[in-house]
Amino acid sequence: MTARPVPITDDIDTGGFWAAAKTGRLAIRCCPNCSTWVHLPRVFCPVCHYRGTTWKQVRGLGRLYTWAIVEQQIDPAFPTPYTLVVVSLVDAPDVRLIGRLDGAPELAADMPMEIVFDALTSDIALPQWKPRV
C-alpha cells in the first residue's frame, strides 16, 4: 500500500488544530470578543475583525451533514470503496469537518457521529468520524 499523504502541521493558522489532534482532542478557533467560531481557522475574526482568535476545545460529537461514496480509485493510498463524510459539530453547528470511512456503510442524514483519531505518524493524528452507537 502506498504511504498516505500527511498534513502540514506547523502552519500559523491551523497548527493548533493539529497540536490538539495529536493529543486526542478536537479544537476549533473561536473569537473571544464576539464568540464566533472561526473555521477555516484564521488569526482574525471575520465578523468583528478582532485580531487574536484562540483555540477552544470542543467535544468530538457531530451530526452527519452529507456524504458521498467513492468507487473509482484515484490514489493508491486510498483503496475503494470509501465514504467521505461532512459532519456538523454539536458544539459549533456552523462548523463542518470532513472525514473518511472505509467501505460504504449505511448512513442517514443527521445521524450522530463521534470523533476518532487516526495516527498517521508518531507525531500526526488525523481527526476522523464514525457513527455513534
N, C-alpha and C. Protein backbone atom coordinates (compact mmCIF):
# COMPACT_ATOMS: atom_id res chain seq x y z
N MET A 1 0.84 -1.19 0.00
CA MET A 1 0.00 0.00 0.00
C MET A 1 0.88 1.25 0.00
N THR A 2 0.50 2.23 -0.75
CA THR A 2 1.22 3.49 -0.85
C THR A 2 1.05 4.30 0.43
N ALA A 3 2.10 5.03 0.80
CA ALA A 3 2.03 5.87 2.00
C ALA A 3 0.97 6.96 1.83
N ARG A 4 0.21 7.19 2.87
CA ARG A 4 -0.81 8.24 2.83
C ARG A 4 -0.17 9.60 2.98
N PRO A 5 -0.71 10.61 2.31
CA PRO A 5 -0.19 11.97 2.48
C PRO A 5 -0.45 12.45 3.91
N VAL A 6 0.40 13.33 4.39
CA VAL A 6 0.22 13.88 5.73
C VAL A 6 0.05 15.40 5.64
N PRO A 7 -0.70 15.97 6.55
CA PRO A 7 -0.92 17.42 6.53
C PRO A 7 0.29 18.19 7.02
N ILE A 8 0.34 19.45 6.66
CA ILE A 8 1.33 20.37 7.23
C ILE A 8 0.78 20.78 8.59
N THR A 9 1.54 20.53 9.64
CA THR A 9 1.01 20.73 11.00
C THR A 9 1.54 21.96 11.72
N ASP A 10 2.45 22.70 11.10
CA ASP A 10 3.04 23.85 11.80
C ASP A 10 2.63 25.19 11.18
N ASP A 11 1.54 25.20 10.44
CA ASP A 11 1.03 26.43 9.83
C ASP A 11 0.50 27.36 10.92
N ILE A 12 0.69 28.65 10.77
CA ILE A 12 0.25 29.62 11.80
C ILE A 12 -1.27 29.58 12.02
N ASP A 13 -2.03 29.33 10.96
CA ASP A 13 -3.48 29.33 11.10
C ASP A 13 -4.04 28.01 11.60
N THR A 14 -3.44 26.89 11.22
CA THR A 14 -4.02 25.58 11.53
C THR A 14 -3.21 24.75 12.53
N GLY A 15 -2.05 25.23 12.93
CA GLY A 15 -1.18 24.45 13.81
C GLY A 15 -1.84 24.01 15.11
N GLY A 16 -2.67 24.84 15.70
CA GLY A 16 -3.35 24.48 16.95
C GLY A 16 -4.32 23.33 16.78
N PHE A 17 -4.95 23.23 15.61
CA PHE A 17 -5.84 22.12 15.31
C PHE A 17 -5.07 20.81 15.35
N TRP A 18 -3.90 20.79 14.69
CA TRP A 18 -3.09 19.57 14.63
C TRP A 18 -2.44 19.26 15.97
N ALA A 19 -2.05 20.28 16.73
CA ALA A 19 -1.47 20.05 18.05
C ALA A 19 -2.50 19.40 18.97
N ALA A 20 -3.74 19.86 18.92
CA ALA A 20 -4.81 19.27 19.74
C ALA A 20 -5.08 17.83 19.29
N ALA A 21 -5.16 17.61 17.98
CA ALA A 21 -5.44 16.26 17.46
C ALA A 21 -4.36 15.28 17.89
N LYS A 22 -3.13 15.73 17.92
CA LYS A 22 -2.02 14.86 18.33
C LYS A 22 -2.24 14.30 19.74
N THR A 23 -2.96 15.05 20.58
CA THR A 23 -3.21 14.62 21.96
C THR A 23 -4.63 14.06 22.13
N GLY A 24 -5.32 13.79 21.00
CA GLY A 24 -6.65 13.20 21.08
C GLY A 24 -7.75 14.17 21.42
N ARG A 25 -7.54 15.44 21.09
CA ARG A 25 -8.56 16.46 21.36
C ARG A 25 -8.94 17.15 20.06
N LEU A 26 -10.13 17.71 20.02
CA LEU A 26 -10.60 18.48 18.87
C LEU A 26 -10.69 19.93 19.30
N ALA A 27 -10.02 20.82 18.57
CA ALA A 27 -10.03 22.24 18.90
C ALA A 27 -10.37 23.05 17.65
N ILE A 28 -11.18 24.08 17.85
CA ILE A 28 -11.61 24.97 16.78
C ILE A 28 -11.30 26.40 17.22
N ARG A 29 -10.89 27.24 16.28
CA ARG A 29 -10.64 28.64 16.63
C ARG A 29 -11.96 29.34 16.96
N CYS A 30 -11.88 30.22 17.96
CA CYS A 30 -13.05 30.97 18.41
C CYS A 30 -12.63 32.40 18.70
N CYS A 31 -13.51 33.34 18.44
CA CYS A 31 -13.23 34.74 18.73
C CYS A 31 -13.62 35.03 20.18
N PRO A 32 -12.68 35.45 21.02
CA PRO A 32 -13.02 35.76 22.41
C PRO A 32 -13.82 37.06 22.54
N ASN A 33 -13.86 37.85 21.47
CA ASN A 33 -14.57 39.13 21.51
C ASN A 33 -16.07 38.97 21.21
N CYS A 34 -16.41 38.15 20.20
CA CYS A 34 -17.83 38.02 19.81
C CYS A 34 -18.34 36.58 19.82
N SER A 35 -17.49 35.63 20.22
CA SER A 35 -17.84 34.20 20.34
C SER A 35 -18.14 33.51 19.01
N THR A 36 -17.68 34.08 17.91
CA THR A 36 -17.86 33.44 16.61
C THR A 36 -16.85 32.31 16.46
N TRP A 37 -17.31 31.18 15.96
CA TRP A 37 -16.41 30.08 15.61
C TRP A 37 -15.75 30.45 14.29
N VAL A 38 -14.44 30.35 14.23
CA VAL A 38 -13.70 30.78 13.04
C VAL A 38 -13.12 29.55 12.35
N HIS A 39 -13.85 29.08 11.36
CA HIS A 39 -13.40 27.92 10.59
C HIS A 39 -13.78 28.16 9.14
N LEU A 40 -12.89 28.25 8.31
CA LEU A 40 -11.49 27.90 8.28
C LEU A 40 -10.71 28.78 9.26
N PRO A 41 -9.76 28.16 9.97
CA PRO A 41 -9.07 28.88 11.05
C PRO A 41 -8.24 30.06 10.54
N ARG A 42 -8.40 31.18 11.23
CA ARG A 42 -7.64 32.39 10.94
C ARG A 42 -7.36 33.10 12.26
N VAL A 43 -6.33 33.94 12.27
CA VAL A 43 -5.98 34.69 13.47
C VAL A 43 -7.00 35.80 13.74
N PHE A 44 -7.65 36.29 12.67
CA PHE A 44 -8.61 37.38 12.85
C PHE A 44 -10.04 36.86 12.70
N CYS A 45 -10.98 37.54 13.33
CA CYS A 45 -12.39 37.17 13.27
C CYS A 45 -13.03 37.81 12.04
N PRO A 46 -13.71 37.03 11.21
CA PRO A 46 -14.34 37.61 10.02
C PRO A 46 -15.60 38.41 10.33
N VAL A 47 -16.11 38.31 11.57
CA VAL A 47 -17.34 39.03 11.93
C VAL A 47 -17.02 40.38 12.56
N CYS A 48 -16.23 40.38 13.65
CA CYS A 48 -15.95 41.64 14.35
C CYS A 48 -14.55 42.18 14.07
N HIS A 49 -13.76 41.43 13.32
CA HIS A 49 -12.40 41.79 12.91
C HIS A 49 -11.40 41.85 14.07
N TYR A 50 -11.76 41.23 15.18
CA TYR A 50 -10.84 41.13 16.31
C TYR A 50 -9.64 40.30 15.89
N ARG A 51 -8.46 40.75 16.23
CA ARG A 51 -7.24 40.02 15.88
C ARG A 51 -6.76 39.31 17.13
N GLY A 52 -6.83 38.02 17.13
CA GLY A 52 -6.40 37.26 18.31
C GLY A 52 -7.35 36.13 18.65
N THR A 53 -7.90 35.47 17.63
CA THR A 53 -8.75 34.32 17.91
C THR A 53 -7.93 33.27 18.65
N THR A 54 -8.61 32.44 19.41
CA THR A 54 -7.92 31.42 20.21
C THR A 54 -8.50 30.05 19.91
N TRP A 55 -7.74 29.04 20.29
CA TRP A 55 -8.20 27.66 20.11
C TRP A 55 -9.04 27.27 21.30
N LYS A 56 -10.20 26.68 21.02
CA LYS A 56 -11.11 26.25 22.09
C LYS A 56 -11.42 24.77 21.85
N GLN A 57 -11.27 23.98 22.89
CA GLN A 57 -11.58 22.55 22.77
C GLN A 57 -13.09 22.37 22.70
N VAL A 58 -13.51 21.48 21.79
CA VAL A 58 -14.92 21.13 21.66
C VAL A 58 -15.05 19.62 21.82
N ARG A 59 -16.25 19.19 22.16
CA ARG A 59 -16.48 17.75 22.24
C ARG A 59 -16.40 17.18 20.83
N GLY A 60 -15.98 15.99 20.71
CA GLY A 60 -15.89 15.36 19.40
C GLY A 60 -17.19 14.72 18.98
N LEU A 61 -18.26 15.48 19.03
CA LEU A 61 -19.58 14.98 18.66
C LEU A 61 -20.14 15.81 17.52
N GLY A 62 -20.85 15.15 16.62
CA GLY A 62 -21.41 15.86 15.49
C GLY A 62 -22.63 15.15 14.94
N ARG A 63 -23.17 15.74 13.87
CA ARG A 63 -24.30 15.18 13.15
C ARG A 63 -23.90 15.10 11.68
N LEU A 64 -24.25 14.00 11.05
CA LEU A 64 -23.90 13.80 9.65
C LEU A 64 -24.66 14.81 8.79
N TYR A 65 -23.91 15.64 8.09
CA TYR A 65 -24.50 16.67 7.23
C TYR A 65 -24.74 16.12 5.83
N THR A 66 -23.72 15.46 5.26
CA THR A 66 -23.84 14.83 3.96
C THR A 66 -22.70 13.83 3.78
N TRP A 67 -22.76 13.03 2.72
CA TRP A 67 -21.73 12.04 2.47
C TRP A 67 -21.73 11.66 0.99
N ALA A 68 -20.63 11.07 0.55
CA ALA A 68 -20.51 10.57 -0.82
C ALA A 68 -19.65 9.31 -0.80
N ILE A 69 -20.08 8.31 -1.54
CA ILE A 69 -19.32 7.06 -1.65
C ILE A 69 -18.42 7.16 -2.87
N VAL A 70 -17.13 6.94 -2.66
CA VAL A 70 -16.15 6.99 -3.74
C VAL A 70 -15.89 5.56 -4.20
N GLU A 71 -16.11 5.32 -5.47
CA GLU A 71 -15.95 3.98 -6.01
C GLU A 71 -14.83 3.87 -7.03
N GLN A 72 -14.34 5.00 -7.54
CA GLN A 72 -13.25 4.97 -8.50
C GLN A 72 -11.97 5.40 -7.80
N GLN A 73 -10.99 4.52 -7.77
CA GLN A 73 -9.74 4.81 -7.07
C GLN A 73 -8.90 5.80 -7.88
N ILE A 74 -8.48 6.85 -7.20
CA ILE A 74 -7.63 7.87 -7.83
C ILE A 74 -6.23 7.81 -7.25
N ASP A 75 -6.14 7.52 -5.97
CA ASP A 75 -4.84 7.48 -5.28
C ASP A 75 -4.66 6.09 -4.69
N PRO A 76 -3.52 5.44 -4.94
CA PRO A 76 -3.30 4.10 -4.41
C PRO A 76 -3.33 4.02 -2.88
N ALA A 77 -3.14 5.14 -2.21
CA ALA A 77 -3.16 5.16 -0.75
C ALA A 77 -4.58 5.03 -0.20
N PHE A 78 -5.59 5.18 -1.06
CA PHE A 78 -6.97 5.14 -0.63
C PHE A 78 -7.76 4.13 -1.46
N PRO A 79 -7.72 2.85 -1.07
CA PRO A 79 -8.47 1.84 -1.82
C PRO A 79 -9.98 2.07 -1.72
N THR A 80 -10.67 1.74 -2.77
CA THR A 80 -12.11 1.94 -2.81
C THR A 80 -12.83 0.63 -2.50
N PRO A 81 -14.09 0.72 -2.11
CA PRO A 81 -14.83 1.96 -1.89
C PRO A 81 -14.50 2.57 -0.53
N TYR A 82 -14.70 3.87 -0.44
CA TYR A 82 -14.66 4.57 0.84
C TYR A 82 -15.70 5.67 0.79
N THR A 83 -16.06 6.16 1.96
CA THR A 83 -17.12 7.16 2.06
C THR A 83 -16.57 8.43 2.68
N LEU A 84 -16.75 9.54 1.98
CA LEU A 84 -16.40 10.85 2.53
C LEU A 84 -17.62 11.38 3.27
N VAL A 85 -17.40 11.87 4.48
CA VAL A 85 -18.49 12.41 5.28
C VAL A 85 -18.21 13.86 5.63
N VAL A 86 -19.27 14.63 5.73
CA VAL A 86 -19.20 16.01 6.22
C VAL A 86 -20.05 16.04 7.48
N VAL A 87 -19.44 16.47 8.58
CA VAL A 87 -20.08 16.42 9.89
C VAL A 87 -20.17 17.83 10.48
N SER A 88 -21.37 18.21 10.93
CA SER A 88 -21.58 19.47 11.65
C SER A 88 -21.31 19.22 13.12
N LEU A 89 -20.50 20.05 13.75
CA LEU A 89 -20.18 19.86 15.16
C LEU A 89 -21.36 20.22 16.05
N VAL A 90 -21.59 19.44 17.08
CA VAL A 90 -22.66 19.72 18.04
C VAL A 90 -22.38 21.03 18.76
N ASP A 91 -21.13 21.26 19.17
CA ASP A 91 -20.77 22.46 19.92
C ASP A 91 -20.69 23.71 19.05
N ALA A 92 -20.54 23.53 17.76
CA ALA A 92 -20.41 24.65 16.82
C ALA A 92 -21.08 24.24 15.51
N PRO A 93 -22.41 24.29 15.44
CA PRO A 93 -23.15 23.74 14.30
C PRO A 93 -22.78 24.32 12.93
N ASP A 94 -22.27 25.55 12.91
CA ASP A 94 -21.87 26.14 11.63
C ASP A 94 -20.51 25.64 11.16
N VAL A 95 -19.80 24.92 12.01
CA VAL A 95 -18.50 24.36 11.64
C VAL A 95 -18.73 22.94 11.15
N ARG A 96 -18.20 22.67 9.96
CA ARG A 96 -18.32 21.33 9.38
C ARG A 96 -16.93 20.81 9.07
N LEU A 97 -16.70 19.57 9.46
CA LEU A 97 -15.42 18.92 9.21
C LEU A 97 -15.66 17.69 8.35
N ILE A 98 -14.63 17.32 7.59
CA ILE A 98 -14.76 16.15 6.72
C ILE A 98 -14.02 14.96 7.34
N GLY A 99 -14.35 13.80 6.86
CA GLY A 99 -13.69 12.58 7.30
C GLY A 99 -13.89 11.50 6.25
N ARG A 100 -13.27 10.36 6.50
CA ARG A 100 -13.35 9.24 5.57
C ARG A 100 -13.65 7.97 6.34
N LEU A 101 -14.61 7.19 5.85
CA LEU A 101 -14.94 5.90 6.41
C LEU A 101 -14.59 4.83 5.38
N ASP A 102 -14.06 3.72 5.82
CA ASP A 102 -13.80 2.61 4.91
C ASP A 102 -15.12 2.03 4.43
N GLY A 103 -15.14 1.59 3.18
CA GLY A 103 -16.31 0.91 2.65
C GLY A 103 -17.46 1.85 2.34
N ALA A 104 -18.65 1.29 2.32
CA ALA A 104 -19.88 2.03 2.02
C ALA A 104 -20.92 1.72 3.10
N PRO A 105 -20.70 2.24 4.32
CA PRO A 105 -21.61 1.92 5.41
C PRO A 105 -22.99 2.55 5.21
N GLU A 106 -23.98 1.97 5.89
CA GLU A 106 -25.33 2.54 5.88
C GLU A 106 -25.31 3.82 6.72
N LEU A 107 -25.67 4.92 6.10
CA LEU A 107 -25.68 6.21 6.78
C LEU A 107 -27.03 6.88 6.58
N ALA A 108 -27.34 7.85 7.43
CA ALA A 108 -28.58 8.61 7.30
C ALA A 108 -28.31 10.06 7.68
N ALA A 109 -28.97 10.97 7.02
CA ALA A 109 -28.81 12.39 7.32
C ALA A 109 -29.10 12.64 8.79
N ASP A 110 -28.30 13.50 9.39
CA ASP A 110 -28.44 13.93 10.79
C ASP A 110 -28.08 12.83 11.79
N MET A 111 -27.49 11.74 11.32
CA MET A 111 -27.09 10.65 12.21
C MET A 111 -26.00 11.14 13.16
N PRO A 112 -26.03 10.73 14.43
CA PRO A 112 -24.99 11.12 15.38
C PRO A 112 -23.63 10.52 14.97
N MET A 113 -22.60 11.34 15.09
CA MET A 113 -21.24 10.93 14.75
C MET A 113 -20.32 11.29 15.92
N GLU A 114 -19.21 10.56 16.01
CA GLU A 114 -18.21 10.88 17.03
C GLU A 114 -16.82 10.83 16.42
N ILE A 115 -15.94 11.60 17.02
CA ILE A 115 -14.57 11.72 16.51
C ILE A 115 -13.74 10.50 16.92
N VAL A 116 -12.86 10.13 16.04
CA VAL A 116 -11.81 9.15 16.32
C VAL A 116 -10.54 9.74 15.71
N PHE A 117 -9.40 9.34 16.23
CA PHE A 117 -8.14 9.89 15.74
C PHE A 117 -7.32 8.79 15.10
N ASP A 118 -6.95 9.02 13.85
CA ASP A 118 -6.19 8.07 13.05
C ASP A 118 -4.72 8.50 13.11
N ALA A 119 -3.86 7.70 13.74
CA ALA A 119 -2.44 8.04 13.85
C ALA A 119 -1.76 7.81 12.49
N LEU A 120 -1.40 8.89 11.82
CA LEU A 120 -0.72 8.78 10.53
C LEU A 120 0.77 8.54 10.73
N THR A 121 1.33 9.19 11.75
CA THR A 121 2.74 9.01 12.14
C THR A 121 2.76 9.10 13.66
N SER A 122 3.94 9.01 14.24
CA SER A 122 4.03 9.14 15.71
C SER A 122 3.73 10.57 16.17
N ASP A 123 3.79 11.53 15.25
CA ASP A 123 3.56 12.94 15.60
C ASP A 123 2.28 13.54 15.01
N ILE A 124 1.58 12.79 14.15
CA ILE A 124 0.43 13.36 13.47
C ILE A 124 -0.78 12.44 13.60
N ALA A 125 -1.86 13.00 14.15
CA ALA A 125 -3.13 12.28 14.24
C ALA A 125 -4.17 13.03 13.41
N LEU A 126 -4.90 12.27 12.61
CA LEU A 126 -5.91 12.85 11.74
C LEU A 126 -7.30 12.62 12.34
N PRO A 127 -8.03 13.69 12.66
CA PRO A 127 -9.40 13.50 13.15
C PRO A 127 -10.25 12.87 12.06
N GLN A 128 -10.98 11.83 12.42
CA GLN A 128 -11.90 11.15 11.52
C GLN A 128 -13.23 11.01 12.26
N TRP A 129 -14.24 10.50 11.58
CA TRP A 129 -15.56 10.35 12.18
C TRP A 129 -16.06 8.94 12.04
N LYS A 130 -16.91 8.54 12.96
CA LYS A 130 -17.59 7.26 12.84
C LYS A 130 -18.99 7.42 13.41
N PRO A 131 -19.94 6.61 12.94
CA PRO A 131 -21.29 6.68 13.50
C PRO A 131 -21.26 6.39 15.00
N ARG A 132 -22.04 7.14 15.74
CA ARG A 132 -22.12 6.98 17.19
C ARG A 132 -23.21 6.00 17.53
N VAL A 133 -22.85 4.98 18.28
CA VAL A 133 -23.83 3.95 18.64
C VAL A 133 -24.29 4.11 20.08
